[in-house]
Amino acid sequence: MNTHTLPPILKGCTVLPPMHQGDGNGLPGRHQGDTSKAKGKTSRRSTADRFAMLNAFVDFTMQELSRAEALVWFALFRDTKPDGIARTSQADLARRVGANVGTVKRAMAGLRRRGLLTVVCRGSLRRGPSAYRVHPLTRDTAKGAPALPDKGTFCTGNRVRRRALSHKGTINASP
């Protein structure tokens, strides 16, 4: 019995060429012209900044928060991209945190009141998930001043519009 036989070849089939050429040393190369660092690699400085932010939150702020607020903050912190923005839906946060959507909404409102969360862009069914920016420390309200409501922004197509509170407390969209 011959153990060195080739596998059967189907009629009309050929071997496909490689997707991209190597760099000449026999190893598969990266995309031609791409000299940037590998995707997903971050600098030591940005990693240190993220740990400093996490340490500041745990050391100074977390003891003032409810369990749901802390879990939502951690989930948003984890989702934060290098541009500082976390894009996720409240339903996805609720699933990952193990809470109801209503609990996540209340937790996010508490985080906004304390100045730990800024709504960068409000999402919808047509625009996708909302975008948030998380902050490690609460606002300075030591002088007895009430916390200001978060004005935030919301997206309409390619435009970003600011929300402002009118003198009666209702929300008006300014162009």
Protein backbone atom coordinates (compact mmCIF):
# COMPACT_ATOMS: atom_id res chain seq x y z
CA MET A 1 0.00 0.00 0.00
CA ASN A 2 1.35 3.40 -1.02
CA THR A 3 1.20 5.93 1.86
CA HIS A 4 2.47 8.87 -0.19
CA THR A 5 -0.45 9.29 -2.57
CA LEU A 6 -1.84 12.70 -3.32
CA PRO A 7 -5.42 13.53 -2.38
CA PRO A 8 -7.92 13.20 -5.21
CA ILE A 9 -8.22 16.32 -7.38
CA LEU A 10 -11.60 17.33 -8.68
CA LYS A 11 -11.82 18.10 -12.38
CA GLY A 12 -12.03 21.84 -13.09
CA CYS A 13 -10.61 22.92 -9.68
CA THR A 14 -7.38 24.82 -9.29
CA VAL A 15 -5.40 26.13 -6.34
CA LEU A 16 -6.05 29.78 -5.52
CA PRO A 17 -3.08 32.16 -5.40
CA PRO A 18 -2.11 33.78 -2.05
CA MET A 19 -4.15 36.84 -0.98
CA HIS A 20 -1.13 39.17 -0.66
CA GLN A 21 2.54 38.83 -1.32
CA GLY A 22 5.12 38.34 1.37
CA ASP A 23 7.91 40.77 2.12
CA GLY A 24 10.52 38.64 0.32
CA ASN A 25 11.72 36.65 3.32
CA GLY A 26 9.18 33.85 2.87
CA LEU A 27 6.87 35.14 5.60
CA PRO A 28 3.45 36.55 4.85
CA GLY A 29 3.58 40.33 4.86
CA ARG A 30 1.21 43.03 5.99
CA HIS A 31 -0.82 45.08 3.56
CA GLN A 32 1.40 46.87 1.09
CA GLY A 33 2.23 50.41 2.09
CA ASP A 34 1.06 49.94 5.69
CA THR A 35 3.98 50.96 7.92
CA SER A 36 1.94 51.88 11.01
CA LYS A 37 2.05 49.91 14.23
CA ALA A 38 -0.12 46.82 14.62
CA LYS A 39 -3.83 47.32 15.08
CA GLY A 40 -4.94 47.25 18.68
CA LYS A 41 -1.58 48.35 20.07
CA THR A 42 -1.70 51.33 22.40
CA SER A 43 1.12 53.45 23.68
CA ARG A 44 2.36 53.11 27.23
CA ARG A 45 1.22 56.66 27.96
CA SER A 46 -2.40 56.05 26.99
CA THR A 47 -2.43 52.84 29.02
CA ALA A 48 -1.01 54.69 32.02
CA ASP A 49 -3.66 57.40 31.59
CA ARG A 50 -6.45 54.80 31.59
CA PHE A 51 -5.11 53.22 34.78
CA ALA A 52 -4.78 56.65 36.42
CA MET A 53 -8.40 57.38 35.53
CA LEU A 54 -9.52 54.01 36.89
CA ASN A 55 -7.53 54.51 40.10
CA ALA A 56 -8.99 57.99 40.64
CA PHE A 57 -12.51 56.62 40.19
CA VAL A 58 -12.01 53.72 42.60
CA ASP A 59 -10.15 55.78 45.24
CA PHE A 60 -12.31 58.92 45.35
CA THR A 61 -15.65 58.42 43.65
CA MET A 62 -16.90 54.85 43.76
CA GLN A 63 -17.87 54.85 47.44
CA GLU A 64 -20.47 57.56 46.75
CA LEU A 65 -22.26 55.55 44.04
CA SER A 66 -24.92 52.88 44.09
CA ARG A 67 -24.06 49.41 42.78
CA ALA A 68 -25.88 50.01 39.49
CA GLU A 69 -24.15 53.37 38.92
CA ALA A 70 -20.71 51.85 39.55
CA LEU A 71 -21.38 48.90 37.24
CA VAL A 72 -22.67 51.15 34.45
CA TRP A 73 -19.63 53.43 34.83
CA PHE A 74 -17.26 50.41 34.62
CA ALA A 75 -19.04 49.04 31.54
CA LEU A 76 -18.83 52.42 29.81
CA PHE A 77 -15.18 52.80 30.83
CA ARG A 78 -14.44 49.41 29.29
CA ASP A 79 -16.19 50.41 26.05
CA THR A 80 -14.25 53.68 25.76
CA LYS A 81 -12.18 53.86 22.58
CA PRO A 82 -8.89 55.80 22.21
CA ASP A 83 -10.87 58.91 21.20
CA GLY A 84 -12.45 58.91 24.68
CA ILE A 85 -15.96 58.03 23.48
CA ALA A 86 -18.00 54.95 24.44
CA ARG A 87 -20.77 54.01 21.99
CA THR A 88 -23.27 51.52 23.35
CA SER A 89 -26.99 51.11 23.84
CA GLN A 90 -28.76 51.10 27.17
CA ALA A 91 -30.20 47.67 26.41
CA ASP A 92 -26.70 46.28 25.84
CA LEU A 93 -25.49 47.89 29.08
CA ALA A 94 -28.43 46.36 30.94
CA ARG A 95 -27.65 42.90 29.55
CA ARG A 96 -23.97 43.10 30.47
CA VAL A 97 -24.54 44.62 33.91
CA GLY A 98 -27.34 42.18 34.76
CA ALA A 99 -30.02 44.78 35.38
CA ASN A 100 -33.19 46.11 33.78
CA VAL A 101 -33.09 48.90 31.22
CA GLY A 102 -34.95 51.16 33.66
CA THR A 103 -32.25 50.61 36.28
CA VAL A 104 -29.57 51.51 33.72
CA LYS A 105 -31.46 54.68 32.77
CA ARG A 106 -31.68 55.74 36.45
CA ALA A 107 -28.01 54.92 36.99
CA MET A 108 -27.01 56.97 33.95
CA ALA A 109 -29.12 59.90 35.14
CA GLY A 110 -27.33 59.71 38.52
CA LEU A 111 -23.94 59.62 36.81
CA ARG A 112 -24.88 62.65 34.68
CA ARG A 113 -26.05 64.56 37.78
CA ARG A 114 -22.73 63.90 39.50
CA GLY A 115 -20.72 64.93 36.43
CA LEU A 116 -19.31 61.45 35.84
CA LEU A 117 -20.98 60.98 32.46
CA THR A 118 -21.46 63.29 29.49
CA VAL A 119 -23.79 62.44 26.63
CA VAL A 120 -21.78 63.27 23.51
CA CYS A 121 -24.39 62.17 20.98
CA ARG A 122 -27.88 60.85 21.62
CA GLY A 123 -28.72 57.83 19.53
CA SER A 124 -31.98 56.47 18.17
CA LEU A 125 -33.24 53.62 16.04
CA ARG A 126 -32.09 55.35 12.87
CA ARG A 127 -28.81 56.79 14.21
CA GLY A 128 -27.58 53.85 16.26
CA PRO A 129 -26.38 53.79 19.87
CA SER A 130 -25.68 56.85 21.97
CA ALA A 131 -22.12 58.07 22.55
CA TYR A 132 -20.85 58.84 26.05
CA ARG A 133 -17.75 60.23 27.71
CA VAL A 134 -16.93 59.02 31.24
CA HIS A 135 -15.11 61.10 33.87
CA PRO A 136 -13.38 59.71 36.99
CA LEU A 137 -14.17 62.46 39.49
CA THR A 138 -17.41 64.18 40.48
CA ARG A 139 -18.02 67.88 39.92
CA ASP A 140 -16.87 70.31 42.53
CA THR A 141 -20.10 71.05 44.42
CA ALA A 142 -18.40 71.70 47.76
CA LYS A 143 -19.51 75.36 47.79
CA GLY A 144 -23.15 74.30 48.02
CA ALA A 145 -23.92 75.10 44.41
CA PRO A 146 -26.42 72.67 42.88
CA ALA A 147 -25.17 70.40 40.15
CA LEU A 148 -25.94 71.81 36.71
CA PRO A 149 -28.01 69.66 34.35
CA ASP A 150 -26.11 68.09 31.50
CA LYS A 151 -26.90 69.92 28.27
CA GLY A 152 -25.51 67.16 26.06
CA THR A 153 -25.87 66.90 22.31
CA PHE A 154 -27.81 64.79 19.89
CA CYS A 155 -27.14 63.88 16.30
CA THR A 156 -29.37 64.60 13.35
CA GLY A 157 -27.80 63.07 10.29
CA ASN A 158 -24.37 64.65 9.89
CA ARG A 159 -25.15 67.60 12.17
CA VAL A 160 -24.73 67.72 15.92
CA ARG A 161 -27.14 69.96 17.78
CA ARG A 162 -26.87 71.16 21.37
CA ARG A 163 -29.71 70.73 23.81
CA ALA A 164 -30.43 73.62 26.11
CA LEU A 165 -32.85 73.92 28.99
CA SER A 166 -35.31 76.77 28.67
CA HIS A 167 -36.22 78.92 31.63
CA LYS A 168 -39.23 76.65 32.34
CA GLY A 169 -37.12 73.48 32.40
CA THR A 170 -38.22 72.09 29.05
CA ILE A 171 -35.73 71.01 26.44
CA ASN A 172 -35.31 73.15 23.35
CA ALA A 173 -33.14 72.12 20.43
CA SER A 174 -31.04 74.92 19.01
CA PRO A 175 -29.91 74.70 15.38
